[in-house]
């Protein structure tokens, strides 16, 4: 798998973040997104 893009969202208070990372399987011939990993975080 190869990561192609990463998006980070931060709320107005800057106390929470969400990270979206898209991956594709480079062993296949089609270049469609195969996996999206979503991570959450809190800032104290």
C-alpha atoms as a PDB file:
ATOM      1  CA  UNK A   1       0.000   0.000   0.000  1.00  0.00           C
ATOM      2  CA  UNK A   2       1.140   3.492  -0.768  1.00  0.00           C
ATOM      3  CA  UNK A   3      -0.131   6.646   0.956  1.00  0.00           C
ATOM      4  CA  UNK A   4      -1.223   9.257  -1.558  1.00  0.00           C
ATOM      5  CA  UNK A   5      -2.799  12.111   0.416  1.00  0.00           C
ATOM      6  CA  UNK A   6      -3.255  13.336   3.985  1.00  0.00           C
ATOM      7  CA  UNK A   7      -5.931  15.821   5.147  1.00  0.00           C
ATOM      8  CA  UNK A   8      -5.985  17.386   8.626  1.00  0.00           C
ATOM      9  CA  UNK A   9      -9.056  19.091  10.104  1.00  0.00           C
ATOM     10  CA  UNK A  10      -8.815  21.269  13.237  1.00  0.00           C
ATOM     11  CA  UNK A  11     -11.861  22.602  15.097  1.00  0.00           C
ATOM     12  CA  UNK A  12     -12.320  26.321  15.920  1.00  0.00           C
ATOM     13  CA  UNK A  13     -11.093  25.952  19.518  1.00  0.00           C
ATOM     14  CA  UNK A  14      -8.032  24.019  18.306  1.00  0.00           C
ATOM     15  CA  UNK A  15      -8.766  21.318  20.861  1.00  0.00           C
ATOM     16  CA  UNK A  16      -9.512  18.420  18.479  1.00  0.00           C
ATOM     17  CA  UNK A  17      -8.045  17.197  15.217  1.00  0.00           C
ATOM     18  CA  UNK A  18      -9.046  14.607  12.623  1.00  0.00           C
ATOM     19  CA  UNK A  19      -6.559  13.159  10.155  1.00  0.00           C
ATOM     20  CA  UNK A  20      -7.705  11.440   6.956  1.00  0.00           C
ATOM     21  CA  UNK A  21      -5.092   9.436   5.030  1.00  0.00           C
ATOM     22  CA  UNK A  22      -5.846   7.765   1.715  1.00  0.00           C
ATOM     23  CA  UNK A  23      -3.973   4.680   0.532  1.00  0.00           C
ATOM     24  CA  UNK A  24      -3.990   2.724  -2.690  1.00  0.00           C
ATOM     25  CA  UNK A  25      -2.755  -0.733  -3.539  1.00  0.00           C
ATOM     26  CA  UNK A  26       0.082  -0.261  -6.038  1.00  0.00           C
ATOM     27  CA  UNK A  27       0.058  -3.949  -6.967  1.00  0.00           C
ATOM     28  CA  UNK A  28      -3.290  -3.506  -8.801  1.00  0.00           C
ATOM     29  CA  UNK A  29      -3.619  -2.017 -12.258  1.00  0.00           C
ATOM     30  CA  UNK A  30      -6.408   0.410 -11.312  1.00  0.00           C
ATOM     31  CA  UNK A  31      -5.462   3.468  -9.255  1.00  0.00           C
ATOM     32  CA  UNK A  32      -8.558   3.656  -7.069  1.00  0.00           C
ATOM     33  CA  UNK A  33      -8.423   4.501  -3.365  1.00  0.00           C
ATOM     34  CA  UNK A  34      -8.517   1.241  -1.422  1.00  0.00           C
ATOM     35  CA  UNK A  35      -8.280   2.397   2.206  1.00  0.00           C
ATOM     36  CA  UNK A  36      -9.038   5.580   4.149  1.00  0.00           C
ATOM     37  CA  UNK A  37      -7.589   5.732   7.660  1.00  0.00           C
ATOM     38  CA  UNK A  38      -9.251   8.216  10.036  1.00  0.00           C
ATOM     39  CA  UNK A  39      -7.440   9.255  13.222  1.00  0.00           C
ATOM     40  CA  UNK A  40      -8.782  11.444  16.020  1.00  0.00           C
ATOM     41  CA  UNK A  41      -6.803  13.497  18.481  1.00  0.00           C
ATOM     42  CA  UNK A  42      -7.373  15.815  21.447  1.00  0.00           C
ATOM     43  CA  UNK A  43      -5.109  18.705  22.428  1.00  0.00           C
ATOM     44  CA  UNK A  44      -4.842  19.610  26.110  1.00  0.00           C
END
